[in-house]
Amino acid sequence: MDVYRHTCQSRSSQEKKEVLNNSRTRAAKEQAQVQYSQAHKKVRAGVRRDKRKYTEDLARRAQEAAAQRNMKELYDNTKTLAGNYKHVNRPIKDKQGNTLTPTEDQLKEVG
């Protein structure tokens, strides 16, 4: 829902930027600049609000994971909050150390 709102606000801001760029008279440019500035401020404020909300949600999930002693989720959330986004998908290996490629083999080994 927030993404849709930002898309609409962003589109509105882009349209106002086009009007600003296509204005011919000084008065029209000044008026278009004021409208664009206001629209751009709204978009930036919305993005900051959503980023703060996302970060708080991640922190809350990390706290819940710590309370439940779920170390994997806690570690993933902490890395995301710290800015290390890389989630490496390591291959699953059998007991001899050979990499299992087909999905059925992996499911047999895990399950």
N, C-alpha and C. Protein backbone atom coordinates (compact mmCIF):
# COMPACT_ATOMS: atom_id res chain seq x y z
N MET A 1 0.83 -1.18 0.00
CA MET A 1 0.00 0.00 0.00
C MET A 1 0.88 1.25 0.00
N ASP A 2 1.95 1.25 0.82
CA ASP A 2 2.85 2.39 0.86
C ASP A 2 3.58 2.56 -0.46
N VAL A 3 3.92 1.45 -1.09
CA VAL A 3 4.63 1.51 -2.36
C VAL A 3 3.76 2.20 -3.41
N TYR A 4 2.48 1.87 -3.42
CA TYR A 4 1.56 2.49 -4.38
C TYR A 4 1.48 3.98 -4.14
N ARG A 5 1.40 4.38 -2.85
CA ARG A 5 1.30 5.80 -2.52
C ARG A 5 2.55 6.53 -3.01
N HIS A 6 3.73 5.94 -2.77
CA HIS A 6 4.97 6.58 -3.19
C HIS A 6 5.07 6.63 -4.71
N THR A 7 4.56 5.60 -5.38
CA THR A 7 4.59 5.59 -6.83
C THR A 7 3.74 6.74 -7.37
N CYS A 8 2.56 6.92 -6.80
CA CYS A 8 1.69 8.01 -7.25
C CYS A 8 2.31 9.36 -6.95
N GLN A 9 2.87 9.51 -5.73
CA GLN A 9 3.50 10.78 -5.38
C GLN A 9 4.71 11.03 -6.26
N SER A 10 5.46 9.98 -6.53
CA SER A 10 6.64 10.12 -7.38
C SER A 10 6.25 10.52 -8.79
N ARG A 11 5.20 9.88 -9.30
CA ARG A 11 4.72 10.20 -10.64
C ARG A 11 4.26 11.65 -10.70
N SER A 12 3.54 12.10 -9.66
CA SER A 12 3.09 13.48 -9.60
C SER A 12 4.29 14.43 -9.57
N SER A 13 5.29 14.07 -8.80
CA SER A 13 6.50 14.88 -8.72
C SER A 13 7.21 14.94 -10.07
N GLN A 14 7.25 13.82 -10.78
CA GLN A 14 7.89 13.79 -12.10
C GLN A 14 7.12 14.65 -13.10
N GLU A 15 5.79 14.60 -13.02
CA GLU A 15 4.98 15.42 -13.91
C GLU A 15 5.23 16.91 -13.64
N LYS A 16 5.35 17.26 -12.37
CA LYS A 16 5.61 18.67 -12.03
C LYS A 16 7.01 19.09 -12.48
N LYS A 17 7.94 18.15 -12.46
CA LYS A 17 9.29 18.45 -12.94
C LYS A 17 9.26 18.70 -14.45
N GLU A 18 8.45 17.92 -15.18
CA GLU A 18 8.33 18.14 -16.62
C GLU A 18 7.71 19.50 -16.91
N VAL A 19 6.68 19.86 -16.14
CA VAL A 19 6.06 21.17 -16.32
C VAL A 19 7.09 22.26 -16.08
N LEU A 20 7.90 22.07 -15.04
CA LEU A 20 8.95 23.05 -14.73
C LEU A 20 9.93 23.17 -15.89
N ASN A 21 10.36 22.06 -16.43
CA ASN A 21 11.33 22.08 -17.52
C ASN A 21 10.75 22.65 -18.81
N ASN A 22 9.44 22.49 -19.01
CA ASN A 22 8.81 22.96 -20.25
C ASN A 22 8.23 24.37 -20.13
N SER A 23 8.37 24.99 -18.96
CA SER A 23 7.84 26.35 -18.77
C SER A 23 8.68 27.33 -19.58
N ARG A 24 7.97 28.29 -20.18
CA ARG A 24 8.67 29.25 -21.02
C ARG A 24 8.90 30.59 -20.32
N THR A 25 7.94 31.05 -19.56
CA THR A 25 8.09 32.36 -18.92
C THR A 25 8.67 32.21 -17.52
N ARG A 26 9.24 33.30 -17.04
CA ARG A 26 9.86 33.29 -15.73
C ARG A 26 8.82 33.05 -14.64
N ALA A 27 7.65 33.68 -14.76
CA ALA A 27 6.60 33.52 -13.75
C ALA A 27 6.10 32.07 -13.71
N ALA A 28 5.95 31.46 -14.87
CA ALA A 28 5.49 30.07 -14.93
C ALA A 28 6.54 29.14 -14.33
N LYS A 29 7.82 29.44 -14.59
CA LYS A 29 8.89 28.62 -14.02
C LYS A 29 8.90 28.72 -12.50
N GLU A 30 8.74 29.93 -11.97
CA GLU A 30 8.74 30.12 -10.53
C GLU A 30 7.58 29.36 -9.88
N GLN A 31 6.40 29.45 -10.48
CA GLN A 31 5.23 28.76 -9.95
C GLN A 31 5.42 27.24 -10.02
N ALA A 32 5.95 26.76 -11.14
CA ALA A 32 6.19 25.33 -11.30
C ALA A 32 7.26 24.85 -10.32
N GLN A 33 8.27 25.69 -10.05
CA GLN A 33 9.33 25.32 -9.11
C GLN A 33 8.76 25.15 -7.70
N VAL A 34 7.87 26.04 -7.30
CA VAL A 34 7.25 25.95 -5.97
C VAL A 34 6.44 24.67 -5.86
N GLN A 35 5.65 24.36 -6.88
CA GLN A 35 4.83 23.15 -6.86
C GLN A 35 5.70 21.90 -6.84
N TYR A 36 6.76 21.89 -7.63
CA TYR A 36 7.66 20.74 -7.67
C TYR A 36 8.36 20.56 -6.33
N SER A 37 8.80 21.65 -5.72
CA SER A 37 9.49 21.56 -4.42
C SER A 37 8.60 20.94 -3.37
N GLN A 38 7.34 21.36 -3.34
CA GLN A 38 6.40 20.81 -2.35
C GLN A 38 6.15 19.33 -2.59
N ALA A 39 5.95 18.95 -3.84
CA ALA A 39 5.70 17.54 -4.16
C ALA A 39 6.91 16.69 -3.82
N HIS A 40 8.11 17.20 -4.12
CA HIS A 40 9.34 16.46 -3.86
C HIS A 40 9.56 16.28 -2.35
N LYS A 41 9.24 17.30 -1.56
CA LYS A 41 9.36 17.19 -0.11
C LYS A 41 8.44 16.11 0.43
N LYS A 42 7.22 16.02 -0.10
CA LYS A 42 6.28 14.99 0.35
C LYS A 42 6.81 13.59 0.04
N VAL A 43 7.38 13.42 -1.14
CA VAL A 43 7.91 12.11 -1.53
C VAL A 43 9.07 11.73 -0.61
N ARG A 44 9.99 12.65 -0.38
CA ARG A 44 11.14 12.36 0.49
C ARG A 44 10.70 12.05 1.91
N ALA A 45 9.72 12.80 2.43
CA ALA A 45 9.23 12.55 3.79
C ALA A 45 8.59 11.17 3.87
N GLY A 46 7.85 10.78 2.85
CA GLY A 46 7.21 9.46 2.84
C GLY A 46 8.24 8.35 2.80
N VAL A 47 9.28 8.53 2.03
CA VAL A 47 10.34 7.52 1.93
C VAL A 47 11.06 7.39 3.28
N ARG A 48 11.35 8.52 3.91
CA ARG A 48 12.01 8.47 5.23
C ARG A 48 11.12 7.78 6.25
N ARG A 49 9.82 8.09 6.23
CA ARG A 49 8.88 7.48 7.17
C ARG A 49 8.82 5.96 6.97
N ASP A 50 8.76 5.53 5.72
CA ASP A 50 8.69 4.10 5.44
C ASP A 50 9.99 3.38 5.80
N LYS A 51 11.13 4.04 5.58
CA LYS A 51 12.41 3.42 5.94
C LYS A 51 12.51 3.26 7.45
N ARG A 52 12.07 4.27 8.19
CA ARG A 52 12.08 4.19 9.65
C ARG A 52 11.16 3.07 10.13
N LYS A 53 9.98 2.97 9.52
CA LYS A 53 9.02 1.93 9.88
C LYS A 53 9.60 0.54 9.60
N TYR A 54 10.27 0.38 8.45
CA TYR A 54 10.89 -0.89 8.08
C TYR A 54 11.99 -1.27 9.07
N THR A 55 12.83 -0.30 9.44
CA THR A 55 13.93 -0.55 10.36
C THR A 55 13.40 -0.93 11.74
N GLU A 56 12.37 -0.22 12.20
CA GLU A 56 11.78 -0.55 13.50
C GLU A 56 11.16 -1.94 13.49
N ASP A 57 10.55 -2.32 12.37
CA ASP A 57 9.96 -3.65 12.25
C ASP A 57 11.05 -4.73 12.30
N LEU A 58 12.16 -4.50 11.61
CA LEU A 58 13.28 -5.45 11.66
C LEU A 58 13.83 -5.58 13.08
N ALA A 59 13.96 -4.46 13.76
CA ALA A 59 14.48 -4.49 15.13
C ALA A 59 13.51 -5.25 16.05
N ARG A 60 12.22 -5.03 15.86
CA ARG A 60 11.22 -5.73 16.66
C ARG A 60 11.29 -7.23 16.42
N ARG A 61 11.43 -7.62 15.12
CA ARG A 61 11.53 -9.04 14.81
C ARG A 61 12.80 -9.65 15.38
N ALA A 62 13.89 -8.88 15.40
CA ALA A 62 15.14 -9.38 15.99
C ALA A 62 14.96 -9.60 17.49
N GLN A 63 14.27 -8.69 18.16
CA GLN A 63 14.03 -8.84 19.59
C GLN A 63 13.17 -10.07 19.88
N GLU A 64 12.14 -10.27 19.05
CA GLU A 64 11.29 -11.44 19.23
C GLU A 64 12.07 -12.73 19.00
N ALA A 65 12.94 -12.72 18.00
CA ALA A 65 13.76 -13.90 17.72
C ALA A 65 14.70 -14.18 18.89
N ALA A 66 15.25 -13.13 19.48
CA ALA A 66 16.14 -13.31 20.62
C ALA A 66 15.36 -13.88 21.81
N ALA A 67 14.14 -13.40 22.00
CA ALA A 67 13.32 -13.91 23.11
C ALA A 67 12.97 -15.38 22.92
N GLN A 68 12.80 -15.80 21.65
CA GLN A 68 12.45 -17.18 21.35
C GLN A 68 13.69 -18.05 21.14
N ARG A 69 14.87 -17.44 21.27
CA ARG A 69 16.15 -18.12 21.04
C ARG A 69 16.26 -18.70 19.64
N ASN A 70 15.73 -17.97 18.68
CA ASN A 70 15.83 -18.36 17.27
C ASN A 70 17.06 -17.64 16.70
N MET A 71 18.20 -18.28 16.76
CA MET A 71 19.46 -17.64 16.41
C MET A 71 19.58 -17.31 14.92
N LYS A 72 19.04 -18.15 14.05
CA LYS A 72 19.15 -17.89 12.61
C LYS A 72 18.41 -16.60 12.24
N GLU A 73 17.17 -16.47 12.71
CA GLU A 73 16.40 -15.27 12.39
C GLU A 73 17.04 -14.04 13.04
N LEU A 74 17.51 -14.18 14.27
CA LEU A 74 18.18 -13.08 14.94
C LEU A 74 19.42 -12.64 14.16
N TYR A 75 20.22 -13.60 13.71
CA TYR A 75 21.44 -13.30 12.97
C TYR A 75 21.10 -12.61 11.64
N ASP A 76 20.10 -13.13 10.91
CA ASP A 76 19.72 -12.54 9.62
C ASP A 76 19.21 -11.10 9.81
N ASN A 77 18.37 -10.89 10.80
CA ASN A 77 17.84 -9.54 11.04
C ASN A 77 18.93 -8.58 11.47
N THR A 78 19.86 -9.06 12.30
CA THR A 78 20.96 -8.21 12.75
C THR A 78 21.85 -7.82 11.58
N LYS A 79 22.14 -8.78 10.70
CA LYS A 79 22.96 -8.47 9.53
C LYS A 79 22.27 -7.47 8.62
N THR A 80 20.96 -7.63 8.44
CA THR A 80 20.21 -6.70 7.60
C THR A 80 20.23 -5.30 8.20
N LEU A 81 20.03 -5.21 9.50
CA LEU A 81 20.07 -3.90 10.17
C LEU A 81 21.45 -3.27 10.08
N ALA A 82 22.49 -4.10 10.13
CA ALA A 82 23.86 -3.59 10.08
C ALA A 82 24.26 -3.17 8.66
N GLY A 83 23.49 -3.60 7.66
CA GLY A 83 23.80 -3.22 6.29
C GLY A 83 24.49 -4.30 5.50
N ASN A 84 24.67 -5.49 6.09
CA ASN A 84 25.28 -6.61 5.37
C ASN A 84 24.15 -7.47 4.82
N TYR A 85 23.69 -7.16 3.63
CA TYR A 85 22.49 -7.79 3.09
C TYR A 85 22.73 -9.14 2.45
N LYS A 86 23.95 -9.54 2.28
CA LYS A 86 24.25 -10.73 1.51
C LYS A 86 23.74 -11.98 2.22
N HIS A 87 22.77 -12.63 1.62
CA HIS A 87 22.30 -13.92 2.12
C HIS A 87 22.84 -14.97 1.16
N VAL A 88 23.85 -15.66 1.58
CA VAL A 88 24.52 -16.62 0.72
C VAL A 88 23.75 -17.94 0.77
N ASN A 89 23.39 -18.43 -0.39
CA ASN A 89 22.75 -19.74 -0.47
C ASN A 89 23.86 -20.77 -0.65
N ARG A 90 24.18 -21.45 0.42
CA ARG A 90 25.23 -22.46 0.36
C ARG A 90 24.64 -23.76 -0.15
N PRO A 91 25.38 -24.49 -0.96
CA PRO A 91 24.86 -25.76 -1.46
C PRO A 91 24.77 -26.79 -0.33
N ILE A 92 23.80 -27.66 -0.46
CA ILE A 92 23.63 -28.74 0.51
C ILE A 92 24.53 -29.89 0.10
N LYS A 93 25.24 -30.45 1.09
CA LYS A 93 26.16 -31.56 0.80
C LYS A 93 25.70 -32.81 1.54
N ASP A 94 26.02 -33.96 0.96
CA ASP A 94 25.69 -35.22 1.64
C ASP A 94 26.80 -35.55 2.64
N LYS A 95 26.70 -36.70 3.27
CA LYS A 95 27.64 -37.05 4.33
C LYS A 95 29.06 -37.23 3.84
N GLN A 96 29.22 -37.55 2.54
CA GLN A 96 30.56 -37.71 1.99
C GLN A 96 31.16 -36.38 1.54
N GLY A 97 30.37 -35.30 1.57
CA GLY A 97 30.88 -34.00 1.17
C GLY A 97 30.58 -33.64 -0.27
N ASN A 98 29.83 -34.48 -0.98
CA ASN A 98 29.47 -34.19 -2.37
C ASN A 98 28.28 -33.24 -2.42
N THR A 99 28.32 -32.29 -3.35
CA THR A 99 27.24 -31.33 -3.49
C THR A 99 26.03 -32.00 -4.12
N LEU A 100 24.85 -31.76 -3.53
CA LEU A 100 23.60 -32.30 -4.06
C LEU A 100 22.94 -31.23 -4.92
N THR A 101 22.71 -31.54 -6.19
CA THR A 101 22.12 -30.54 -7.06
C THR A 101 20.61 -30.71 -7.27
N PRO A 102 20.09 -31.89 -7.55
CA PRO A 102 18.65 -31.97 -7.75
C PRO A 102 17.89 -31.71 -6.44
N THR A 103 16.72 -31.13 -6.56
CA THR A 103 15.93 -30.78 -5.40
C THR A 103 15.51 -31.99 -4.59
N GLU A 104 15.18 -33.12 -5.28
CA GLU A 104 14.76 -34.31 -4.56
C GLU A 104 15.88 -34.84 -3.66
N ASP A 105 17.12 -34.82 -4.17
CA ASP A 105 18.24 -35.27 -3.37
C ASP A 105 18.43 -34.40 -2.12
N GLN A 106 18.27 -33.10 -2.31
CA GLN A 106 18.41 -32.18 -1.18
C GLN A 106 17.32 -32.44 -0.15
N LEU A 107 16.09 -32.65 -0.62
CA LEU A 107 15.00 -32.89 0.32
C LEU A 107 15.19 -34.21 1.06
N LYS A 108 15.73 -35.22 0.38
CA LYS A 108 15.99 -36.50 1.04
C LYS A 108 17.03 -36.33 2.14
N GLU A 109 18.06 -35.53 1.86
CA GLU A 109 19.15 -35.35 2.82
C GLU A 109 18.67 -34.56 4.04
N VAL A 110 17.86 -33.53 3.81
CA VAL A 110 17.39 -32.68 4.89
C VAL A 110 16.28 -33.37 5.68
N GLY A 111 15.34 -33.97 4.96
CA GLY A 111 14.16 -34.54 5.61
C GLY A 111 14.35 -35.93 5.97
